[in-house]
Amino acid sequence: MPEQPIEKCKCCHAAAPFVGWVDFNKSCEDRRRPRPFPPSTEMVPYHRCRNCGFIFTKYCDAWSPEEFRARIYNEDYVKADYDPEIVNGVAATVSYRNGEKLAALLAGSGDRIRLLDFGAGGNPGRMGQALIDAGFRVTSYEPHFAESATQVEGKYDVIYSVETFEHCHDLAGMAAFLAEHLEDHGLLYFSTLLHPHPSAGDVLNSWYIAPRNGHISIFTFPAVSILFRRVGINIVQSLFGLVGLRNPTHFPNHIFV
């Protein structure tokens, strides 16, 4: 394998040395059952930041949306991101249940607030459908599973993003986009698996570091905090999960004040 240069961290801009290679066909499902994709000869280089611990690859940085859809988010993607409950209907899936939980968290807001589903997985996605069924107004933004992304206009009271940040390669662009569309007293609610910092020497064995799933940006809490602090959003690890705030929220149930 060719020697890899030290890269600049996408979160804090510190030095990020090469940490190792990962088989492009490695998926999150490899740990559950016989791996759905055979080993490949295509190897993906990952780097780890010395300062904030962010782990990432620049392997896909030059890809177009069409190339992402052709190589990762294609008809075989379900093998890498399998939800066995889909056979029982959308309402039985993890994503739909996550939407029900968020609807309960925002109880009392109803159609008085605007929600943006960033990385929806559809239009609407399963989580968005649960929120719509609960009476919320949801805009679904999905750059990978649709030929063209839904137009996002104005600001939103709640932007939620579940298991999406790890798929993003342009982190500065992603953070700026979310900051642009979040109301000053709005709530950014998101989930991505945070790795410890400092991480172990064998961190690339983590089931979550999986190129075939599109997991190309692996965060630590310091990394995601620094990334969003640059755009004026403070990240908090709460009982409800990871949230981002500029100012206290003004929701009727007085949550996150």
C-alpha atoms as a PDB file:
ATOM      1  CA  MET A   1       0.000   0.000   0.000  1.00  0.00           C
ATOM      2  CA  PRO A   2       1.262   3.511  -0.754  1.00  0.00           C
ATOM      3  CA  GLU A   3       2.417   5.685   2.125  1.00  0.00           C
ATOM      4  CA  GLN A   4      -0.312   8.056   3.277  1.00  0.00           C
ATOM      5  CA  PRO A   5       0.231  11.735   4.127  1.00  0.00           C
ATOM      6  CA  ILE A   6      -0.819  13.414   7.353  1.00  0.00           C
ATOM      7  CA  GLU A   7      -4.172  15.083   6.682  1.00  0.00           C
ATOM      8  CA  LYS A   8      -5.835  18.099   8.309  1.00  0.00           C
ATOM      9  CA  CYS A   9      -8.705  17.226  10.647  1.00  0.00           C
ATOM     10  CA  LYS A  10     -12.083  18.225   9.228  1.00  0.00           C
ATOM     11  CA  CYS A  11     -13.360  19.228  12.670  1.00  0.00           C
ATOM     12  CA  CYS A  12     -10.550  21.057  14.475  1.00  0.00           C
ATOM     13  CA  HIS A  13      -7.953  21.414  11.666  1.00  0.00           C
ATOM     14  CA  ALA A  14      -5.172  19.748  13.674  1.00  0.00           C
ATOM     15  CA  ALA A  15      -2.863  17.074  12.263  1.00  0.00           C
ATOM     16  CA  ALA A  16      -4.489  13.724  11.532  1.00  0.00           C
ATOM     17  CA  PRO A  17      -1.976  10.931  10.791  1.00  0.00           C
ATOM     18  CA  PHE A  18      -2.867   7.819   8.837  1.00  0.00           C
ATOM     19  CA  VAL A  19      -4.195   5.103  11.157  1.00  0.00           C
ATOM     20  CA  GLY A  20      -4.871   2.183   8.805  1.00  0.00           C
ATOM     21  CA  TRP A  21      -6.730   0.584   5.909  1.00  0.00           C
ATOM     22  CA  VAL A  22     -10.305  -0.755   5.866  1.00  0.00           C
ATOM     23  CA  ASP A  23     -11.832  -3.075   3.272  1.00  0.00           C
ATOM     24  CA  PHE A  24     -14.348  -1.084   1.207  1.00  0.00           C
ATOM     25  CA  ASN A  25     -16.868  -3.925   1.559  1.00  0.00           C
ATOM     26  CA  LYS A  26     -16.821  -3.886   5.367  1.00  0.00           C
ATOM     27  CA  SER A  27     -20.362  -3.186   6.588  1.00  0.00           C
ATOM     28  CA  CYS A  28     -22.108  -2.778   9.920  1.00  0.00           C
ATOM     29  CA  GLU A  29     -23.893  -6.067   9.297  1.00  0.00           C
ATOM     30  CA  ASP A  30     -20.650  -8.069   9.341  1.00  0.00           C
ATOM     31  CA  ARG A  31     -21.028  -8.517  13.104  1.00  0.00           C
ATOM     32  CA  ARG A  32     -24.583  -9.881  13.014  1.00  0.00           C
ATOM     33  CA  ARG A  33     -24.455 -12.717  10.472  1.00  0.00           C
ATOM     34  CA  PRO A  34     -22.252 -13.976   7.644  1.00  0.00           C
ATOM     35  CA  ARG A  35     -21.021 -10.788   6.021  1.00  0.00           C
ATOM     36  CA  PRO A  36     -23.350  -9.658   3.219  1.00  0.00           C
ATOM     37  CA  PHE A  37     -20.514  -8.545   0.932  1.00  0.00           C
ATOM     38  CA  PRO A  38     -17.387 -10.574   0.158  1.00  0.00           C
ATOM     39  CA  PRO A  39     -13.969  -9.131   1.037  1.00  0.00           C
ATOM     40  CA  SER A  40     -12.681  -6.800  -1.672  1.00  0.00           C
ATOM     41  CA  THR A  41      -9.266  -5.698  -2.814  1.00  0.00           C
ATOM     42  CA  GLU A  42     -10.368  -2.039  -2.570  1.00  0.00           C
ATOM     43  CA  MET A  43      -8.880  -0.600   0.592  1.00  0.00           C
ATOM     44  CA  VAL A  44      -9.900   2.696   2.192  1.00  0.00           C
ATOM     45  CA  PRO A  45      -7.380   4.795   4.197  1.00  0.00           C
ATOM     46  CA  TYR A  46      -8.547   6.295   7.496  1.00  0.00           C
ATOM     47  CA  HIS A  47      -6.912   9.067   9.533  1.00  0.00           C
ATOM     48  CA  ARG A  48      -7.244  10.005  13.222  1.00  0.00           C
ATOM     49  CA  CYS A  49      -6.858  13.519  14.600  1.00  0.00           C
ATOM     50  CA  ARG A  50      -4.243  13.944  17.313  1.00  0.00           C
ATOM     51  CA  ASN A  51      -6.242  16.717  18.961  1.00  0.00           C
ATOM     52  CA  CYS A  52      -9.968  15.834  18.956  1.00  0.00           C
ATOM     53  CA  GLY A  53      -9.824  12.152  17.978  1.00  0.00           C
ATOM     54  CA  PHE A  54     -11.981  12.495  14.842  1.00  0.00           C
ATOM     55  CA  ILE A  55     -11.534   9.478  12.520  1.00  0.00           C
ATOM     56  CA  PHE A  56     -12.182   9.929   8.821  1.00  0.00           C
ATOM     57  CA  THR A  57     -11.309   9.068   5.266  1.00  0.00           C
ATOM     58  CA  LYS A  58     -10.971  11.433   2.311  1.00  0.00           C
ATOM     59  CA  TYR A  59     -11.418   8.502  -0.076  1.00  0.00           C
ATOM     60  CA  CYS A  60     -14.866   9.700  -1.217  1.00  0.00           C
ATOM     61  CA  ASP A  61     -14.317  13.461  -1.029  1.00  0.00           C
ATOM     62  CA  ALA A  62     -14.227  13.939  -4.800  1.00  0.00           C
ATOM     63  CA  TRP A  63     -17.229  11.701  -5.523  1.00  0.00           C
ATOM     64  CA  SER A  64     -20.330  13.186  -7.107  1.00  0.00           C
ATOM     65  CA  PRO A  65     -23.818  12.459  -5.684  1.00  0.00           C
ATOM     66  CA  GLU A  66     -24.291  10.085  -8.611  1.00  0.00           C
ATOM     67  CA  GLU A  67     -21.156   8.162  -7.674  1.00  0.00           C
ATOM     68  CA  PHE A  68     -22.299   7.871  -4.043  1.00  0.00           C
ATOM     69  CA  ARG A  69     -25.620   6.471  -5.252  1.00  0.00           C
ATOM     70  CA  ALA A  70     -23.947   4.081  -7.671  1.00  0.00           C
ATOM     71  CA  ARG A  71     -21.252   2.755  -5.329  1.00  0.00           C
ATOM     72  CA  ILE A  72     -22.830   2.899  -1.850  1.00  0.00           C
ATOM     73  CA  TYR A  73     -26.501   3.939  -1.788  1.00  0.00           C
ATOM     74  CA  ASN A  74     -27.616   1.499  -4.463  1.00  0.00           C
ATOM     75  CA  GLU A  75     -30.094  -1.377  -4.521  1.00  0.00           C
ATOM     76  CA  ASP A  76     -27.754  -3.471  -2.357  1.00  0.00           C
ATOM     77  CA  TYR A  77     -27.545  -0.890   0.441  1.00  0.00           C
ATOM     78  CA  VAL A  78     -30.274  -2.653   2.411  1.00  0.00           C
ATOM     79  CA  LYS A  79     -27.795  -5.492   2.977  1.00  0.00           C
ATOM     80  CA  ALA A  80     -25.467  -3.073   4.788  1.00  0.00           C
ATOM     81  CA  ASP A  81     -28.211  -1.374   6.824  1.00  0.00           C
ATOM     82  CA  TYR A  82     -30.732  -4.117   7.502  1.00  0.00           C
ATOM     83  CA  ASP A  83     -33.846  -3.644   9.634  1.00  0.00           C
ATOM     84  CA  PRO A  84     -35.589  -7.016  10.068  1.00  0.00           C
ATOM     85  CA  GLU A  85     -38.770  -5.336  11.322  1.00  0.00           C
ATOM     86  CA  ILE A  86     -39.527  -3.834   7.898  1.00  0.00           C
ATOM     87  CA  VAL A  87     -41.335  -7.079   7.051  1.00  0.00           C
ATOM     88  CA  ASN A  88     -43.915  -6.111   9.712  1.00  0.00           C
ATOM     89  CA  GLY A  89     -44.546  -2.704   8.149  1.00  0.00           C
ATOM     90  CA  VAL A  90     -43.071   0.767   8.432  1.00  0.00           C
ATOM     91  CA  ALA A  91     -44.592   1.387  11.873  1.00  0.00           C
ATOM     92  CA  ALA A  92     -42.578  -1.529  13.307  1.00  0.00           C
ATOM     93  CA  THR A  93     -39.189  -0.212  12.185  1.00  0.00           C
ATOM     94  CA  VAL A  94     -36.581   1.367  14.445  1.00  0.00           C
ATOM     95  CA  SER A  95     -36.766   4.603  12.444  1.00  0.00           C
ATOM     96  CA  TYR A  96     -40.526   4.948  12.871  1.00  0.00           C
ATOM     97  CA  ARG A  97     -40.239   4.289  16.612  1.00  0.00           C
ATOM     98  CA  ASN A  98     -37.524   6.967  16.794  1.00  0.00           C
ATOM     99  CA  GLY A  99     -39.973   9.370  15.199  1.00  0.00           C
ATOM    100  CA  GLU A 100     -42.579   8.510  17.816  1.00  0.00           C
ATOM    101  CA  LYS A 101     -40.048   9.211  20.571  1.00  0.00           C
ATOM    102  CA  LEU A 102     -39.184  12.609  19.096  1.00  0.00           C
ATOM    103  CA  ALA A 103     -42.883  13.425  18.742  1.00  0.00           C
ATOM    104  CA  ALA A 104     -43.327  12.665  22.448  1.00  0.00           C
ATOM    105  CA  LEU A 105     -40.320  14.846  23.269  1.00  0.00           C
ATOM    106  CA  LEU A 106     -41.952  17.756  21.424  1.00  0.00           C
ATOM    107  CA  ALA A 107     -45.417  17.133  22.858  1.00  0.00           C
ATOM    108  CA  GLY A 108     -47.654  20.193  22.661  1.00  0.00           C
ATOM    109  CA  SER A 109     -45.905  21.751  19.665  1.00  0.00           C
ATOM    110  CA  GLY A 110     -47.970  20.005  17.014  1.00  0.00           C
ATOM    111  CA  ASP A 111     -48.222  21.894  13.730  1.00  0.00           C
ATOM    112  CA  ARG A 112     -46.974  25.149  15.325  1.00  0.00           C
ATOM    113  CA  ILE A 113     -43.342  24.353  14.532  1.00  0.00           C
ATOM    114  CA  ARG A 114     -41.424  23.437  11.379  1.00  0.00           C
ATOM    115  CA  LEU A 115     -39.179  20.381  11.363  1.00  0.00           C
ATOM    116  CA  LEU A 116     -36.385  19.488   8.952  1.00  0.00           C
ATOM    117  CA  ASP A 117     -35.383  15.840   8.592  1.00  0.00           C
ATOM    118  CA  PHE A 118     -31.733  16.033   7.492  1.00  0.00           C
ATOM    119  CA  GLY A 119     -30.783  12.745   5.824  1.00  0.00           C
ATOM    120  CA  ALA A 120     -34.351  11.471   5.822  1.00  0.00           C
ATOM    121  CA  GLY A 121     -33.833   8.251   3.862  1.00  0.00           C
ATOM    122  CA  GLY A 122     -36.928   9.062   1.785  1.00  0.00           C
ATOM    123  CA  ASN A 123     -39.563  11.711   1.224  1.00  0.00           C
ATOM    124  CA  PRO A 124     -40.743  11.289   3.848  1.00  0.00           C
ATOM    125  CA  GLY A 125     -38.471   8.818   5.579  1.00  0.00           C
ATOM    126  CA  ARG A 126     -39.804   6.392   8.189  1.00  0.00           C
ATOM    127  CA  MET A 127     -38.970   8.727  11.064  1.00  0.00           C
ATOM    128  CA  GLY A 128     -40.551  11.651   9.262  1.00  0.00           C
ATOM    129  CA  GLN A 129     -43.683   9.606   8.601  1.00  0.00           C
ATOM    130  CA  ALA A 130     -44.077   8.969  12.339  1.00  0.00           C
ATOM    131  CA  LEU A 131     -43.855  12.706  13.024  1.00  0.00           C
ATOM    132  CA  ILE A 132     -46.311  13.516  10.237  1.00  0.00           C
ATOM    133  CA  ASP A 133     -48.696  10.900  11.649  1.00  0.00           C
ATOM    134  CA  ALA A 134     -48.370  12.709  15.008  1.00  0.00           C
ATOM    135  CA  GLY A 135     -49.406  16.023  13.421  1.00  0.00           C
ATOM    136  CA  PHE A 136     -46.044  17.690  12.765  1.00  0.00           C
ATOM    137  CA  ARG A 137     -44.971  19.577   9.636  1.00  0.00           C
ATOM    138  CA  VAL A 138     -41.859  17.897   8.265  1.00  0.00           C
ATOM    139  CA  THR A 139     -39.583  18.754   5.347  1.00  0.00           C
ATOM    140  CA  SER A 140     -37.459  15.798   4.252  1.00  0.00           C
ATOM    141  CA  TYR A 141     -33.954  16.503   2.960  1.00  0.00           C
ATOM    142  CA  GLU A 142     -32.309  13.479   1.379  1.00  0.00           C
ATOM    143  CA  PRO A 143     -29.277  13.955  -0.896  1.00  0.00           C
ATOM    144  CA  HIS A 144     -28.406  10.274  -1.395  1.00  0.00           C
ATOM    145  CA  PHE A 145     -31.584   8.244  -1.751  1.00  0.00           C
ATOM    146  CA  ALA A 146     -33.291  10.565  -4.242  1.00  0.00           C
ATOM    147  CA  GLU A 147     -32.396  11.834  -7.686  1.00  0.00           C
ATOM    148  CA  SER A 148     -32.608  15.398  -6.397  1.00  0.00           C
ATOM    149  CA  ALA A 149     -32.826  16.771  -2.865  1.00  0.00           C
ATOM    150  CA  THR A 150     -35.976  18.498  -1.621  1.00  0.00           C
ATOM    151  CA  GLN A 151     -35.651  22.272  -1.654  1.00  0.00           C
ATOM    152  CA  VAL A 152     -34.988  23.561   1.859  1.00  0.00           C
ATOM    153  CA  GLU A 153     -36.313  27.069   2.477  1.00  0.00           C
ATOM    154  CA  GLY A 154     -36.133  29.352   5.476  1.00  0.00           C
ATOM    155  CA  LYS A 155     -35.448  28.367   9.069  1.00  0.00           C
ATOM    156  CA  TYR A 156     -36.732  25.463  11.133  1.00  0.00           C
ATOM    157  CA  ASP A 157     -37.632  25.181  14.802  1.00  0.00           C
ATOM    158  CA  VAL A 158     -36.268  21.633  14.953  1.00  0.00           C
ATOM    159  CA  ILE A 159     -33.691  19.998  12.728  1.00  0.00           C
ATOM    160  CA  TYR A 160     -33.171  16.341  13.445  1.00  0.00           C
ATOM    161  CA  SER A 161     -30.624  14.039  11.910  1.00  0.00           C
ATOM    162  CA  VAL A 162     -30.427  10.388  12.912  1.00  0.00           C
ATOM    163  CA  GLU A 163     -27.405   8.363  11.810  1.00  0.00           C
ATOM    164  CA  THR A 164     -26.487  10.828   9.071  1.00  0.00           C
ATOM    165  CA  PHE A 165     -23.430  12.827  10.163  1.00  0.00           C
ATOM    166  CA  GLU A 166     -21.159   9.788   9.787  1.00  0.00           C
ATOM    167  CA  HIS A 167     -22.096   9.688   6.079  1.00  0.00           C
ATOM    168  CA  CYS A 168     -21.011  13.282   5.384  1.00  0.00           C
ATOM    169  CA  HIS A 169     -17.632  14.142   3.863  1.00  0.00           C
ATOM    170  CA  ASP A 170     -18.035  17.946   3.603  1.00  0.00           C
ATOM    171  CA  LEU A 171     -18.369  18.629   7.308  1.00  0.00           C
ATOM    172  CA  ALA A 172     -17.845  22.375   7.103  1.00  0.00           C
ATOM    173  CA  GLY A 173     -20.584  22.562   4.480  1.00  0.00           C
ATOM    174  CA  MET A 174     -22.892  20.341   6.526  1.00  0.00           C
ATOM    175  CA  ALA A 175     -22.454  22.400   9.712  1.00  0.00           C
ATOM    176  CA  ALA A 176     -22.947  25.677   7.820  1.00  0.00           C
ATOM    177  CA  PHE A 177     -26.111  24.329   6.152  1.00  0.00           C
ATOM    178  CA  LEU A 178     -27.624  23.281   9.479  1.00  0.00           C
ATOM    179  CA  ALA A 179     -26.668  26.563  11.145  1.00  0.00           C
ATOM    180  CA  GLU A 180     -28.201  28.543   8.278  1.00  0.00           C
ATOM    181  CA  HIS A 181     -31.551  26.769   8.577  1.00  0.00           C
ATOM    182  CA  LEU A 182     -31.836  26.516  12.380  1.00  0.00           C
ATOM    183  CA  GLU A 183     -33.950  29.125  14.150  1.00  0.00           C
ATOM    184  CA  ASP A 184     -32.109  31.197  16.760  1.00  0.00           C
ATOM    185  CA  HIS A 185     -34.131  29.470  19.495  1.00  0.00           C
ATOM    186  CA  GLY A 186     -34.346  26.194  17.611  1.00  0.00           C
ATOM    187  CA  LEU A 187     -33.189  22.687  18.478  1.00  0.00           C
ATOM    188  CA  LEU A 188     -30.711  20.506  16.596  1.00  0.00           C
ATOM    189  CA  TYR A 189     -31.356  16.890  17.596  1.00  0.00           C
ATOM    190  CA  PHE A 190     -29.050  14.209  16.228  1.00  0.00           C
ATOM    191  CA  SER A 191     -27.517  10.809  16.774  1.00  0.00           C
ATOM    192  CA  THR A 192     -24.260   9.300  15.610  1.00  0.00           C
ATOM    193  CA  LEU A 193     -22.143   6.779  17.486  1.00  0.00           C
ATOM    194  CA  LEU A 194     -19.465   8.697  19.382  1.00  0.00           C
ATOM    195  CA  HIS A 195     -16.156   6.908  19.802  1.00  0.00           C
ATOM    196  CA  PRO A 196     -13.962   7.417  22.877  1.00  0.00           C
ATOM    197  CA  HIS A 197     -11.091   9.865  22.829  1.00  0.00           C
ATOM    198  CA  PRO A 198      -8.369   8.808  22.970  1.00  0.00           C
ATOM    199  CA  SER A 199      -9.355   5.715  21.034  1.00  0.00           C
ATOM    200  CA  ALA A 200      -7.699   2.316  21.133  1.00  0.00           C
ATOM    201  CA  GLY A 201      -4.994   1.291  18.702  1.00  0.00           C
ATOM    202  CA  ASP A 202      -7.358  -1.212  17.079  1.00  0.00           C
ATOM    203  CA  VAL A 203     -10.160   1.345  16.633  1.00  0.00           C
ATOM    204  CA  LEU A 204     -10.576   0.449  12.944  1.00  0.00           C
ATOM    205  CA  ASN A 205     -11.996  -2.894  14.102  1.00  0.00           C
ATOM    206  CA  SER A 206     -15.037  -0.978  15.367  1.00  0.00           C
ATOM    207  CA  TRP A 207     -18.160  -2.373  13.713  1.00  0.00           C
ATOM    208  CA  TYR A 208     -19.249   1.228  13.037  1.00  0.00           C
ATOM    209  CA  ILE A 209     -16.272   2.080  10.828  1.00  0.00           C
ATOM    210  CA  ALA A 210     -17.783   0.588   7.686  1.00  0.00           C
ATOM    211  CA  PRO A 211     -17.147   2.078   4.229  1.00  0.00           C
ATOM    212  CA  ARG A 212     -19.897  -0.011   2.577  1.00  0.00           C
ATOM    213  CA  ASN A 213     -22.405   1.735   4.851  1.00  0.00           C
ATOM    214  CA  GLY A 214     -20.927   5.094   3.901  1.00  0.00           C
ATOM    215  CA  HIS A 215     -19.497   5.581   7.400  1.00  0.00           C
ATOM    216  CA  ILE A 216     -16.658   7.871   6.437  1.00  0.00           C
ATOM    217  CA  SER A 217     -16.734  10.359   9.375  1.00  0.00           C
ATOM    218  CA  ILE A 218     -16.454   8.898  12.866  1.00  0.00           C
ATOM    219  CA  PHE A 219     -16.952  11.423  15.661  1.00  0.00           C
ATOM    220  CA  THR A 220     -15.864  11.841  19.241  1.00  0.00           C
ATOM    221  CA  PHE A 221     -17.667  14.285  21.527  1.00  0.00           C
ATOM    222  CA  PRO A 222     -14.798  16.821  21.317  1.00  0.00           C
ATOM    223  CA  ALA A 223     -14.824  16.560  17.512  1.00  0.00           C
ATOM    224  CA  VAL A 224     -18.537  17.185  17.013  1.00  0.00           C
ATOM    225  CA  SER A 225     -18.502  19.949  19.649  1.00  0.00           C
ATOM    226  CA  ILE A 226     -15.654  21.817  17.950  1.00  0.00           C
ATOM    227  CA  LEU A 227     -17.243  21.405  14.504  1.00  0.00           C
ATOM    228  CA  PHE A 228     -20.519  23.039  15.545  1.00  0.00           C
ATOM    229  CA  ARG A 229     -18.966  25.632  17.827  1.00  0.00           C
ATOM    230  CA  ARG A 230     -17.456  27.095  14.650  1.00  0.00           C
ATOM    231  CA  VAL A 231     -20.980  27.911  13.413  1.00  0.00           C
ATOM    232  CA  GLY A 232     -22.305  29.158  16.745  1.00  0.00           C
ATOM    233  CA  ILE A 233     -24.085  26.003  17.924  1.00  0.00           C
ATOM    234  CA  ASN A 234     -23.281  24.468  21.310  1.00  0.00           C
ATOM    235  CA  ILE A 235     -23.515  20.681  21.543  1.00  0.00           C
ATOM    236  CA  VAL A 236     -24.862  19.102  24.720  1.00  0.00           C
ATOM    237  CA  GLN A 237     -25.065  15.435  25.664  1.00  0.00           C
ATOM    238  CA  SER A 238     -28.477  15.218  27.350  1.00  0.00           C
ATOM    239  CA  LEU A 239     -30.708  12.476  28.754  1.00  0.00           C
ATOM    240  CA  PHE A 240     -32.560  12.608  25.436  1.00  0.00           C
ATOM    241  CA  GLY A 241     -29.453  12.294  23.293  1.00  0.00           C
ATOM    242  CA  LEU A 242     -27.199  14.770  21.516  1.00  0.00           C
ATOM    243  CA  VAL A 243     -28.643  18.234  21.010  1.00  0.00           C
ATOM    244  CA  GLY A 244     -27.396  21.519  19.628  1.00  0.00           C
ATOM    245  CA  LEU A 245     -28.560  24.942  20.837  1.00  0.00           C
ATOM    246  CA  ARG A 246     -27.754  28.601  20.259  1.00  0.00           C
ATOM    247  CA  ASN A 247     -30.254  29.870  22.820  1.00  0.00           C
ATOM    248  CA  PRO A 248     -32.927  28.370  25.098  1.00  0.00           C
ATOM    249  CA  THR A 249     -35.855  26.886  23.187  1.00  0.00           C
ATOM    250  CA  HIS A 250     -39.403  28.264  23.319  1.00  0.00           C
ATOM    251  CA  PHE A 251     -41.411  25.067  22.952  1.00  0.00           C
ATOM    252  CA  PRO A 252     -44.783  24.901  24.788  1.00  0.00           C
ATOM    253  CA  ASN A 253     -43.619  22.041  27.032  1.00  0.00           C
ATOM    254  CA  HIS A 254     -40.577  24.111  28.127  1.00  0.00           C
ATOM    255  CA  ILE A 255     -38.103  21.398  27.245  1.00  0.00           C
ATOM    256  CA  PHE A 256     -34.423  22.324  26.919  1.00  0.00           C
ATOM    257  CA  VAL A 257     -34.863  25.756  28.539  1.00  0.00           C
END
